[in-house]
Amino acid sequence: MKPSEPRPFLATEDQEAVERIAARLRTDPRTAAAVDRVARHWIDEMKPNAEHQARFDFEYEQAAFCGFMNAANDDPLYPRLHAFARFAHETDGSAIPATKSAHPNPDYIYRFVPIDGESYYLLHGQVPEKGPLVCEYAMLTADQVYQKNVSLTDLQIAPDGSFTISVDPDPADGRPNHFQTNGESFQLLLRDVIGDAATEAPVALRIERVGPSPSRPPRSFEDMLGTVERHIRKHVDDLIFVTRNFVLKNPVNVFAPPRVQSHSMYSVAQAYSPGHYRIADDEALVVSLTLAGAAYATVPVSDLWGGLGDILGHQVNLGTPWSAPNPDGSYTFVLSTRDPGIVNWIDPNGLHEGVMFIRWIGLPPQKEGAESPKLNVRLVSFDTLETAIPSGTPRATELFRRQQLAARRAAYLRVMA
């Protein structure tokens, strides 16, 4: 980065410190055998076809680096805040792989902080002038069970955009923005939804542990080396579980109605419809949805490994802020291996079978009788596509498509470089 260039939003002191350690772990010859063992385990478990096998090395590099980063930042006595969202880049001359893994929404920025149930922490935030479309902050157990989840709009924020969340074992006792921990509290998951990456910026976040004094020094590099295989294996096994139990268990090309998370610790502002698709070159999947008051919805395609492939070169997802709506406010997307010539094309980059985690976020409070998002997914032949999409669907010329992809690439790199 040249001195005159603006510093990337996610290139914080904590982020770069974690990346430097993770890069050392990645290049240390003592981790190679562990990385190979987890790779063989993943392939054996998923039994990929030729298309997915061809993408394995690219996707595993990212998944493994997520594990390296977790190994570099898993100490609740000396916590840092790190993100899984950046594209491949360099930090202090070290090559840092992208971390677009685990069936992510490409428009999300996921940030993590290790915590325990005894320490006292302060999470400091600063909302920029043009902030994210939606933010959600959660406290999780080691098994990824949500103990608490709040939206940014639920927090008390100062007029200058600053806020602080206290995280500790004491009751709130009138304190605003408080997370009360217990013996199972393990991690903070902080999620920004960037609706328009050309103009929006993530909330600036900083973690501070304020007591009691640590009972031991920070973990050494050798200590971290000993946890690498466990962290990479956990990242992969969690991904296998989600893929099997929330995606592949459904019939192909069948997507359930959006499920609003109203009876769990997930935010009631979210809804999901996961599934997997299969299309031939002469077929298309037509995805129609309504927002029902949601701030945002997206149709992202990922592969068996939970990766997105070449997201900067192919439109593997499209969020509603960048999509063309129908006259009635609904949205229609077309997933196909060849360009259908409409604006809302989801390009699987040649992947004839894959995963779609259709998402809605920023839903209004779900009261009895409130409207829920609607979803309709149909497999049609490419020859009959015109009759399957709404009349007047906006078209995309070759020039428009080039401009669309160029604008998308510049926007993503602006926020997630």
Protein backbone atom coordinates (compact mmCIF):
# COMPACT_ATOMS: atom_id res chain seq x y z
CA MET A 1 0.00 0.00 0.00
CA LYS A 2 1.41 3.36 -1.05
CA PRO A 3 1.46 6.17 1.55
CA SER A 4 -1.05 8.18 -0.52
CA GLU A 5 -3.56 5.31 -0.69
CA PRO A 6 -6.35 5.12 1.89
CA ARG A 7 -5.98 2.35 4.44
CA PRO A 8 -8.39 -0.54 3.81
CA PHE A 9 -11.35 -0.51 6.19
CA LEU A 10 -10.53 -3.95 7.59
CA ALA A 11 -6.75 -3.49 7.85
CA THR A 12 -6.85 -2.73 11.57
CA GLU A 13 -3.96 -3.24 13.96
CA ASP A 14 -5.65 -6.37 15.35
CA GLN A 15 -6.45 -7.75 11.91
CA GLU A 16 -2.92 -7.39 10.64
CA ALA A 17 -1.45 -8.84 13.82
CA VAL A 18 -3.64 -11.94 13.47
CA GLU A 19 -2.85 -12.21 9.75
CA ARG A 20 0.89 -12.04 10.41
CA ILE A 21 0.72 -14.87 12.94
CA ALA A 22 -1.59 -16.93 10.72
CA ALA A 23 0.78 -16.49 7.78
CA ARG A 24 3.68 -17.76 9.91
CA LEU A 25 1.62 -20.76 10.99
CA ARG A 26 0.66 -21.44 7.38
CA THR A 27 4.24 -21.42 6.11
CA ASP A 28 5.74 -23.34 9.04
CA PRO A 29 6.66 -26.81 7.70
CA ARG A 30 5.33 -28.41 10.91
CA THR A 31 1.73 -27.62 9.90
CA ALA A 32 1.86 -29.21 6.45
CA ALA A 33 0.94 -32.73 7.58
CA ALA A 34 -2.03 -31.46 9.59
CA VAL A 35 -3.31 -29.45 6.61
CA ASP A 36 -3.04 -32.53 4.38
CA ARG A 37 -4.87 -34.74 6.88
CA VAL A 38 -7.82 -32.37 7.11
CA ALA A 39 -7.91 -32.05 3.31
CA ARG A 40 -8.14 -35.82 2.87
CA HIS A 41 -10.81 -35.99 5.58
CA TRP A 42 -12.92 -33.35 3.82
CA ILE A 43 -12.70 -35.02 0.42
CA ASP A 44 -13.47 -38.44 1.90
CA GLU A 45 -16.53 -37.07 3.68
CA MET A 46 -18.01 -35.12 0.77
CA LYS A 47 -17.10 -37.40 -2.17
CA PRO A 48 -17.12 -34.57 -4.73
CA ASN A 49 -17.89 -34.84 -8.42
CA ALA A 50 -15.33 -33.64 -10.97
CA GLU A 51 -16.52 -30.00 -10.99
CA HIS A 52 -16.30 -29.64 -7.23
CA GLN A 53 -13.02 -31.54 -7.02
CA ALA A 54 -11.51 -29.10 -9.50
CA ARG A 55 -12.29 -26.23 -7.12
CA PHE A 56 -11.06 -27.93 -3.96
CA ASP A 57 -7.53 -26.51 -3.77
CA PHE A 58 -8.74 -22.93 -4.29
CA GLU A 59 -11.47 -23.24 -1.67
CA TYR A 60 -9.44 -25.24 0.84
CA GLU A 61 -6.72 -22.59 0.89
CA GLN A 62 -9.32 -20.13 2.17
CA ALA A 63 -10.97 -22.55 4.61
CA ALA A 64 -7.59 -23.58 6.03
CA PHE A 65 -6.53 -19.97 6.47
CA CYS A 66 -9.70 -19.34 8.47
CA GLY A 67 -8.44 -22.11 10.76
CA PHE A 68 -4.97 -20.55 10.94
CA MET A 69 -6.51 -17.22 11.91
CA ASN A 70 -8.62 -18.83 14.61
CA ALA A 71 -5.49 -20.52 15.97
CA ALA A 72 -3.79 -17.12 16.04
CA ASN A 73 -6.65 -15.49 17.96
CA ASP A 74 -8.28 -17.92 20.38
CA ASP A 75 -7.05 -16.54 23.69
CA PRO A 76 -9.81 -14.78 25.69
CA LEU A 77 -7.23 -13.33 28.09
CA TYR A 78 -5.50 -11.51 25.21
CA PRO A 79 -8.29 -11.08 22.66
CA ARG A 80 -8.01 -9.47 19.27
CA LEU A 81 -10.76 -8.74 16.77
CA HIS A 82 -10.34 -10.35 13.35
CA ALA A 83 -12.48 -10.52 10.22
CA PHE A 84 -13.38 -13.20 7.69
CA ALA A 85 -14.31 -11.08 4.69
CA ARG A 86 -11.17 -9.87 2.94
CA PHE A 87 -10.01 -10.82 -0.51
CA ALA A 88 -6.47 -12.09 -1.09
CA HIS A 89 -3.88 -9.42 -0.31
CA GLU A 90 -0.46 -8.89 1.27
CA THR A 91 0.33 -7.93 4.84
CA ASP A 92 3.94 -6.90 5.47
CA GLY A 93 4.97 -8.75 2.33
CA SER A 94 3.24 -12.01 3.31
CA ALA A 95 0.61 -13.47 0.99
CA ILE A 96 -2.74 -13.60 2.80
CA PRO A 97 -5.42 -15.80 1.20
CA ALA A 98 -9.01 -14.68 0.97
CA THR A 99 -11.34 -15.86 3.72
CA LYS A 100 -14.64 -16.16 1.81
CA SER A 101 -15.50 -19.54 3.31
CA ALA A 102 -18.37 -21.48 4.95
CA HIS A 103 -21.21 -20.61 2.53
CA PRO A 104 -20.83 -16.90 3.25
CA ASN A 105 -22.95 -14.11 1.95
CA PRO A 106 -20.34 -12.08 0.03
CA ASP A 107 -22.00 -8.87 1.23
CA TYR A 108 -21.40 -9.75 4.91
CA ILE A 109 -18.36 -8.86 6.97
CA TYR A 110 -17.92 -11.40 9.76
CA ARG A 111 -15.74 -10.37 12.72
CA PHE A 112 -14.83 -12.46 15.75
CA VAL A 113 -13.54 -11.96 19.30
CA PRO A 114 -12.61 -14.81 21.68
CA ILE A 115 -14.17 -14.34 25.14
CA ASP A 116 -14.74 -16.29 28.35
CA GLY A 117 -17.26 -16.11 31.18
CA GLU A 118 -14.95 -14.47 33.73
CA SER A 119 -13.27 -11.55 31.97
CA TYR A 120 -14.61 -8.03 31.53
CA TYR A 121 -14.55 -6.61 27.99
CA LEU A 122 -15.59 -3.42 26.24
CA LEU A 123 -16.43 -3.48 22.54
CA HIS A 124 -16.05 0.05 21.17
CA GLY A 125 -17.77 1.02 17.93
CA GLN A 126 -17.95 4.00 15.61
CA VAL A 127 -20.70 4.13 13.01
CA PRO A 128 -19.51 5.90 9.83
CA GLU A 129 -21.54 8.58 8.09
CA LYS A 130 -22.65 6.05 5.47
CA GLY A 131 -22.76 2.85 7.47
CA PRO A 132 -23.85 -0.69 6.67
CA LEU A 133 -27.40 -1.52 5.69
CA VAL A 134 -27.75 -3.76 8.77
CA CYS A 135 -25.47 -4.78 11.67
CA GLU A 136 -25.95 -7.63 14.13
CA TYR A 137 -23.85 -8.49 17.17
CA ALA A 138 -24.07 -11.91 18.80
CA MET A 139 -22.55 -13.87 21.69
CA LEU A 140 -22.03 -17.58 21.01
CA THR A 141 -21.02 -20.76 22.80
CA ALA A 142 -18.29 -23.05 21.47
CA ASP A 143 -21.04 -25.05 19.73
CA GLN A 144 -22.22 -21.93 17.89
CA VAL A 145 -25.38 -21.61 19.99
CA TYR A 146 -26.51 -17.99 20.17
CA GLN A 147 -26.73 -16.70 23.75
CA LYS A 148 -27.65 -13.18 22.69
CA ASN A 149 -28.14 -11.35 19.41
CA VAL A 150 -28.92 -7.65 18.90
CA SER A 151 -29.10 -5.36 15.91
CA LEU A 152 -27.24 -2.08 15.74
CA THR A 153 -30.59 -0.30 15.92
CA ASP A 154 -31.19 -1.91 19.34
CA LEU A 155 -28.11 -0.23 20.82
CA GLN A 156 -27.79 3.14 22.53
CA ILE A 157 -25.56 5.19 20.21
CA ALA A 158 -24.13 8.64 20.92
CA PRO A 159 -24.85 11.56 18.57
CA ASP A 160 -21.33 11.26 17.11
CA GLY A 161 -21.99 7.61 16.15
CA SER A 162 -19.93 6.05 18.93
CA PHE A 163 -21.11 3.26 21.21
CA THR A 164 -19.72 0.75 23.69
CA ILE A 165 -21.00 -2.74 24.48
CA SER A 166 -20.00 -4.16 27.88
CA VAL A 167 -19.40 -7.91 27.95
CA ASP A 168 -18.96 -9.46 31.39
CA PRO A 169 -20.53 -11.87 33.94
CA ASP A 170 -22.39 -9.17 35.87
CA PRO A 171 -26.06 -8.25 35.34
CA ALA A 172 -26.68 -5.09 33.35
CA ASP A 173 -28.02 -3.16 36.39
CA GLY A 174 -29.14 -0.33 34.17
CA ARG A 175 -26.15 -0.38 31.85
CA PRO A 176 -27.22 -0.04 28.21
CA ASN A 177 -25.63 -2.21 25.51
CA HIS A 178 -24.73 -5.09 27.83
CA PHE A 179 -24.00 -8.77 27.15
CA GLN A 180 -23.97 -10.90 30.31
CA THR A 181 -21.59 -13.83 29.95
CA ASN A 182 -21.54 -17.22 31.66
CA GLY A 183 -19.30 -20.29 31.69
CA GLU A 184 -20.37 -21.27 28.16
CA SER A 185 -19.69 -17.89 26.55
CA PHE A 186 -17.00 -18.39 23.94
CA GLN A 187 -17.06 -15.85 21.14
CA LEU A 188 -18.49 -12.60 19.85
CA LEU A 189 -19.74 -12.75 16.24
CA LEU A 190 -20.09 -9.27 14.73
CA ARG A 191 -21.75 -9.03 11.35
CA ASP A 192 -22.08 -6.05 8.99
CA VAL A 193 -24.36 -6.31 5.95
CA ILE A 194 -23.00 -4.10 3.19
CA GLY A 195 -25.94 -3.39 0.91
CA ASP A 196 -24.06 -1.09 -1.47
CA ALA A 197 -20.32 -1.63 -1.28
CA ALA A 198 -19.75 1.36 -3.56
CA THR A 199 -20.91 3.79 -0.87
CA GLU A 200 -21.25 2.05 2.51
CA ALA A 201 -18.54 1.31 5.06
CA PRO A 202 -18.39 -1.14 7.97
CA VAL A 203 -18.68 0.00 11.55
CA ALA A 204 -15.23 0.54 13.06
CA LEU A 205 -14.82 -1.85 15.99
CA ARG A 206 -12.21 -2.30 18.72
CA ILE A 207 -12.09 -4.79 21.61
CA GLU A 208 -10.65 -3.97 25.03
CA ARG A 209 -10.25 -6.43 27.90
CA VAL A 210 -10.45 -4.40 31.11
CA GLY A 211 -10.00 -7.02 33.81
CA PRO A 212 -9.10 -8.91 35.84
CA SER A 213 -5.36 -9.08 35.23
CA PRO A 214 -4.48 -12.11 33.07
CA SER A 215 -3.45 -15.15 35.11
CA ARG A 216 -0.76 -16.10 32.60
CA PRO A 217 1.27 -14.64 29.73
CA PRO A 218 -0.01 -14.77 26.15
CA ARG A 219 0.14 -18.10 24.37
CA SER A 220 3.37 -18.67 22.49
CA PHE A 221 3.76 -19.38 18.80
CA GLU A 222 4.58 -22.98 19.73
CA ASP A 223 1.29 -23.17 21.67
CA MET A 224 -0.56 -21.93 18.60
CA LEU A 225 1.17 -24.51 16.40
CA GLY A 226 -0.27 -27.23 18.59
CA THR A 227 -3.84 -26.00 17.94
CA VAL A 228 -3.68 -25.60 14.16
CA GLU A 229 -5.11 -28.99 13.20
CA ARG A 230 -7.93 -28.68 15.73
CA HIS A 231 -8.94 -25.26 14.43
CA ILE A 232 -8.83 -26.19 10.74
CA ARG A 233 -10.66 -29.45 11.44
CA LYS A 234 -13.38 -27.62 13.43
CA HIS A 235 -13.89 -25.10 10.64
CA VAL A 236 -14.22 -27.91 8.10
CA ASP A 237 -16.40 -30.16 10.30
CA ASP A 238 -18.78 -27.29 11.09
CA LEU A 239 -19.04 -26.66 7.36
CA ILE A 240 -19.69 -30.36 6.63
CA PHE A 241 -22.46 -30.36 9.24
CA VAL A 242 -24.19 -27.31 7.75
CA THR A 243 -23.87 -28.59 4.19
CA ARG A 244 -25.28 -32.00 5.03
CA ASN A 245 -28.01 -31.00 7.46
CA PHE A 246 -29.23 -27.70 6.07
CA VAL A 247 -28.53 -28.06 2.35
CA LEU A 248 -28.10 -31.55 0.94
CA LYS A 249 -30.90 -33.09 3.00
CA ASN A 250 -33.41 -31.13 0.91
CA PRO A 251 -34.53 -32.43 -2.51
CA VAL A 252 -32.57 -30.88 -5.35
CA ASN A 253 -34.04 -27.63 -6.72
CA VAL A 254 -36.56 -27.51 -3.86
CA PHE A 255 -36.35 -24.56 -1.47
CA ALA A 256 -38.57 -24.34 1.61
CA PRO A 257 -40.46 -21.15 2.44
CA PRO A 258 -38.23 -18.64 4.23
CA ARG A 259 -37.90 -19.48 7.90
CA VAL A 260 -37.99 -16.48 10.20
CA GLN A 261 -35.92 -17.17 13.33
CA SER A 262 -38.61 -16.22 15.85
CA HIS A 263 -38.20 -18.97 18.46
CA SER A 264 -34.46 -19.05 19.10
CA MET A 265 -31.61 -16.77 20.05
CA TYR A 266 -31.14 -15.84 16.39
CA SER A 267 -32.32 -12.38 15.49
CA VAL A 268 -35.95 -12.25 14.44
CA ALA A 269 -34.78 -9.83 11.75
CA GLN A 270 -33.39 -12.71 9.65
CA ALA A 271 -34.88 -15.38 7.42
CA TYR A 272 -33.23 -18.17 5.43
CA SER A 273 -34.04 -20.71 2.74
CA PRO A 274 -31.05 -22.99 2.10
CA GLY A 275 -30.92 -25.68 -0.55
CA HIS A 276 -28.98 -27.09 -3.47
CA TYR A 277 -29.54 -26.81 -7.18
CA ARG A 278 -28.81 -28.88 -10.27
CA ILE A 279 -29.10 -27.44 -13.78
CA ALA A 280 -28.03 -28.42 -17.29
CA ASP A 281 -26.67 -25.94 -19.82
CA ASP A 282 -30.09 -25.74 -21.45
CA GLU A 283 -31.91 -25.11 -18.14
CA ALA A 284 -32.36 -22.22 -15.74
CA LEU A 285 -33.55 -21.83 -12.18
CA VAL A 286 -35.95 -18.91 -11.80
CA VAL A 287 -35.94 -17.49 -8.26
CA SER A 288 -38.72 -15.06 -7.34
CA LEU A 289 -38.95 -13.48 -3.89
CA THR A 290 -40.57 -10.68 -1.94
CA LEU A 291 -38.96 -8.61 0.80
CA ALA A 292 -41.95 -8.31 3.17
CA GLY A 293 -40.34 -5.21 4.64
CA ALA A 294 -36.83 -6.66 4.86
CA ALA A 295 -33.99 -4.23 4.26
CA TYR A 296 -32.15 -6.68 2.05
CA ALA A 297 -32.25 -10.10 0.40
CA THR A 298 -29.67 -11.99 -1.59
CA VAL A 299 -29.29 -15.12 -3.71
CA PRO A 300 -25.68 -16.35 -3.35
CA VAL A 301 -24.25 -19.47 -4.97
CA SER A 302 -21.52 -21.49 -3.27
CA ASP A 303 -19.93 -24.86 -3.96
CA LEU A 304 -19.73 -28.09 -1.99
CA TRP A 305 -16.79 -26.64 -0.03
CA GLY A 306 -18.75 -23.57 1.02
CA GLY A 307 -16.71 -21.31 -1.25
CA LEU A 308 -17.73 -18.72 -3.82
CA GLY A 309 -15.18 -19.31 -6.55
CA ASP A 310 -14.19 -16.25 -8.56
CA ILE A 311 -16.56 -13.76 -6.98
CA LEU A 312 -14.79 -10.75 -8.49
CA GLY A 313 -15.00 -12.12 -12.03
CA HIS A 314 -18.45 -13.71 -11.86
CA GLN A 315 -21.76 -12.53 -10.43
CA VAL A 316 -22.16 -15.49 -8.07
CA ASN A 317 -24.53 -13.49 -5.88
CA LEU A 318 -26.73 -10.48 -6.21
CA GLY A 319 -28.22 -8.54 -3.32
CA THR A 320 -31.40 -6.54 -3.79
CA PRO A 321 -29.70 -3.11 -3.54
CA TRP A 322 -27.85 -4.00 -6.77
CA SER A 323 -30.80 -5.74 -8.42
CA ALA A 324 -33.63 -4.59 -10.66
CA PRO A 325 -37.04 -4.98 -8.99
CA ASN A 326 -40.23 -6.04 -10.69
CA PRO A 327 -43.00 -3.41 -11.02
CA ASP A 328 -44.74 -4.83 -7.92
CA GLY A 329 -41.56 -4.57 -5.78
CA SER A 330 -40.72 -8.27 -5.91
CA TYR A 331 -37.50 -9.58 -7.42
CA THR A 332 -36.79 -12.27 -10.00
CA PHE A 333 -33.33 -13.80 -10.45
CA VAL A 334 -32.17 -16.32 -13.04
CA LEU A 335 -29.48 -18.90 -12.23
CA SER A 336 -28.01 -20.37 -15.41
CA THR A 337 -24.63 -21.37 -16.80
CA ARG A 338 -25.06 -18.99 -19.75
CA ASP A 339 -26.03 -15.34 -19.67
CA PRO A 340 -29.81 -14.98 -20.08
CA GLY A 341 -29.44 -11.31 -21.01
CA ILE A 342 -31.30 -9.92 -17.99
CA VAL A 343 -29.96 -7.73 -15.20
CA ASN A 344 -30.56 -10.15 -12.30
CA TRP A 345 -28.41 -13.03 -13.53
CA ILE A 346 -26.75 -15.33 -10.98
CA ASP A 347 -23.65 -16.76 -12.66
CA PRO A 348 -22.46 -20.06 -11.09
CA ASN A 349 -19.18 -19.86 -13.04
CA GLY A 350 -19.85 -23.16 -14.80
CA LEU A 351 -20.97 -25.03 -11.68
CA HIS A 352 -23.93 -27.21 -12.69
CA GLU A 353 -24.58 -28.32 -9.09
CA GLY A 354 -24.16 -26.15 -6.06
CA VAL A 355 -25.57 -24.52 -2.96
CA MET A 356 -27.84 -21.50 -2.51
CA PHE A 357 -28.32 -19.94 0.92
CA ILE A 358 -31.07 -17.45 0.09
CA ARG A 359 -31.22 -14.83 2.84
CA TRP A 360 -33.36 -11.95 4.06
CA ILE A 361 -32.17 -9.54 6.73
CA GLY A 362 -33.50 -6.45 8.43
CA LEU A 363 -37.04 -7.79 8.70
CA PRO A 364 -39.48 -5.69 10.74
CA PRO A 365 -40.66 -7.12 14.08
CA GLN A 366 -42.59 -10.31 13.44
CA LYS A 367 -46.03 -9.81 14.94
CA GLU A 368 -48.82 -12.34 14.68
CA GLY A 369 -50.32 -12.15 11.21
CA ALA A 370 -47.39 -10.16 9.84
CA GLU A 371 -46.42 -10.79 6.26
CA SER A 372 -43.47 -13.16 5.77
CA PRO A 373 -41.15 -13.14 2.77
CA LYS A 374 -42.32 -15.23 -0.16
CA LEU A 375 -40.11 -17.44 -2.30
CA ASN A 376 -40.75 -19.38 -5.48
CA VAL A 377 -38.06 -21.42 -7.25
CA ARG A 378 -38.75 -23.09 -10.61
CA LEU A 379 -36.59 -25.14 -12.97
CA VAL A 380 -37.35 -24.26 -16.59
CA SER A 381 -35.80 -24.94 -19.95
CA PHE A 382 -33.75 -22.07 -21.33
CA ASP A 383 -35.99 -21.98 -24.39
CA THR A 384 -39.04 -21.18 -22.24
CA LEU A 385 -37.31 -18.65 -19.98
CA GLU A 386 -39.13 -15.70 -21.53
CA THR A 387 -42.48 -17.05 -20.39
CA ALA A 388 -41.16 -17.78 -16.87
CA ILE A 389 -39.98 -14.26 -16.00
CA PRO A 390 -42.18 -11.17 -15.53
CA SER A 391 -43.02 -9.08 -18.53
CA GLY A 392 -40.77 -6.08 -18.84
CA THR A 393 -37.85 -7.63 -16.93
CA PRO A 394 -34.88 -5.26 -17.45
CA ARG A 395 -32.39 -6.49 -20.04
CA ALA A 396 -28.60 -6.56 -19.90
CA THR A 397 -26.53 -5.95 -23.00
CA GLU A 398 -22.94 -7.16 -23.24
CA LEU A 399 -21.76 -3.62 -22.49
CA PHE A 400 -24.03 -3.38 -19.46
CA ARG A 401 -22.74 -6.72 -18.15
CA ARG A 402 -19.12 -5.60 -18.44
CA GLN A 403 -19.95 -2.37 -16.63
CA GLN A 404 -21.96 -4.26 -14.00
CA LEU A 405 -19.06 -6.62 -13.23
CA ALA A 406 -16.50 -3.79 -13.21
CA ALA A 407 -18.61 -1.73 -10.79
CA ARG A 408 -19.16 -4.79 -8.61
CA ARG A 409 -15.43 -5.60 -8.48
CA ALA A 410 -14.45 -2.02 -7.61
CA ALA A 411 -17.11 -1.83 -4.89
CA TYR A 412 -16.12 -5.10 -3.22
CA LEU A 413 -12.43 -4.21 -3.27
CA ARG A 414 -13.22 -0.79 -1.82
CA VAL A 415 -14.72 -2.38 1.32
CA MET A 416 -13.04 -5.79 1.60
CA ALA A 417 -9.53 -5.39 0.18
